């Protein structure tokens, strides 16, 4: 089973996916979850910004609204401790992106 895009666009959508997967648990499905809605295009846009001479920092900043959405979903679906740790994970990813040279 593969889910991505609008099927994982927010916490409610993730809940629907979880229901579908749980309903097929006896079949022991393999589940693949790809990018949330709009994320792939945003990544391509950020890379295009960096490739056209834009700074990696600016390219990373263009993704901010998408990562904020990820944080909101994490806050709704993860335990409090996991949700509290999630922004640090995103920050480490941002630090890595900012250190890249195109």
Protein backbone atom coordinates (compact mmCIF):
# COMPACT_ATOMS: atom_id res chain seq x y z
CA UNK A 1 0.00 0.00 0.00
CA UNK A 2 1.38 3.39 -0.95
CA UNK A 3 0.17 6.72 0.35
CA UNK A 4 1.33 10.22 -0.44
CA UNK A 5 0.21 13.67 -1.45
CA UNK A 6 -3.29 14.58 -0.34
CA UNK A 7 -3.77 11.19 1.32
CA UNK A 8 -1.21 12.36 3.92
CA UNK A 9 -1.74 16.12 3.79
CA UNK A 10 -2.65 16.60 7.45
CA UNK A 11 -3.28 14.75 10.70
CA UNK A 12 -6.85 13.87 9.72
CA UNK A 13 -5.62 12.33 6.46
CA UNK A 14 -2.99 10.33 8.34
CA UNK A 15 -5.81 9.06 10.55
CA UNK A 16 -7.70 7.82 7.49
CA UNK A 17 -4.55 6.09 6.24
CA UNK A 18 -4.08 4.44 9.64
CA UNK A 19 -7.67 3.19 9.49
CA UNK A 20 -7.14 1.73 6.02
CA UNK A 21 -3.93 0.00 7.07
CA UNK A 22 -5.46 -1.32 10.31
CA UNK A 23 -8.38 -2.68 8.32
CA UNK A 24 -5.93 -4.73 6.26
CA UNK A 25 -3.70 -5.80 9.14
CA UNK A 26 -4.49 -9.51 8.63
CA UNK A 27 -2.93 -9.26 5.16
CA UNK A 28 0.34 -7.94 6.71
CA UNK A 29 0.58 -5.12 4.18
CA UNK A 30 3.77 -3.37 3.27
CA UNK A 31 3.12 0.35 3.72
CA UNK A 32 5.02 3.11 1.93
CA UNK A 33 4.36 6.74 2.82
CA UNK A 34 5.81 9.39 0.54
CA UNK A 35 5.79 13.17 0.81
CA UNK A 36 2.90 15.18 2.19
CA UNK A 37 0.86 17.23 -0.25
CA UNK A 38 2.93 20.00 -1.86
CA UNK A 39 6.23 18.88 -0.37
CA UNK A 40 7.82 17.40 -3.49
CA UNK A 41 7.13 20.54 -5.53
CA UNK A 42 8.46 22.69 -2.68
CA UNK A 43 11.67 20.66 -2.58
CA UNK A 44 12.12 21.00 -6.34
CA UNK A 45 11.55 24.76 -6.05
CA UNK A 46 14.11 25.02 -3.25
CA UNK A 47 16.69 23.09 -5.24
CA UNK A 48 16.00 25.26 -8.30
CA UNK A 49 16.56 28.36 -6.15
CA UNK A 50 19.89 26.99 -4.96
CA UNK A 51 20.97 25.89 -8.45
CA UNK A 52 20.19 29.28 -9.95
CA UNK A 53 22.70 30.88 -7.61
CA UNK A 54 20.44 31.41 -4.65
CA UNK A 55 21.85 30.73 -1.24
CA UNK A 56 21.11 27.36 0.34
CA UNK A 57 19.77 29.28 3.36
CA UNK A 58 17.19 31.05 1.21
CA UNK A 59 16.29 27.78 -0.51
CA UNK A 60 15.76 26.17 2.90
CA UNK A 61 13.65 29.08 4.09
CA UNK A 62 11.24 28.60 1.18
CA UNK A 63 10.36 25.27 2.75
CA UNK A 64 9.42 26.81 6.09
CA UNK A 65 5.64 26.68 5.66
CA UNK A 66 5.84 23.02 4.71
CA UNK A 67 7.98 22.11 7.70
CA UNK A 68 5.61 24.06 9.96
CA UNK A 69 2.83 21.84 8.63
CA UNK A 70 4.91 18.76 9.46
CA UNK A 71 5.35 20.10 13.00
CA UNK A 72 1.59 20.62 13.39
CA UNK A 73 0.87 17.07 12.23
CA UNK A 74 3.58 15.70 14.54
CA UNK A 75 2.04 17.58 17.45
CA UNK A 76 -1.32 15.94 16.78
CA UNK A 77 -0.13 12.41 16.12
CA UNK A 78 3.00 11.79 18.18
CA UNK A 79 3.42 11.44 21.89
CA UNK A 80 4.23 14.70 23.67
CA UNK A 81 7.93 13.76 24.01
CA UNK A 82 8.23 12.76 20.35
CA UNK A 83 6.40 15.89 19.16
CA UNK A 84 8.64 18.06 21.36
CA UNK A 85 11.75 16.45 19.84
CA UNK A 86 10.54 16.76 16.24
CA UNK A 87 11.51 20.44 15.66
CA UNK A 88 15.11 19.60 16.61
CA UNK A 89 15.11 16.91 13.93
CA UNK A 90 13.91 19.44 11.36
CA UNK A 91 16.53 21.95 12.55
CA UNK A 92 19.30 19.38 12.05
CA UNK A 93 18.02 18.73 8.54
CA UNK A 94 18.01 22.48 7.91
CA UNK A 95 21.56 22.82 9.18
CA UNK A 96 22.61 20.07 6.80
CA UNK A 97 20.90 21.70 3.83
CA UNK A 98 22.42 25.07 4.67
CA UNK A 99 25.89 23.49 4.67
CA UNK A 100 25.50 22.10 1.14
CA UNK A 101 27.05 23.80 -1.84
CA UNK A 102 25.36 23.42 -5.22
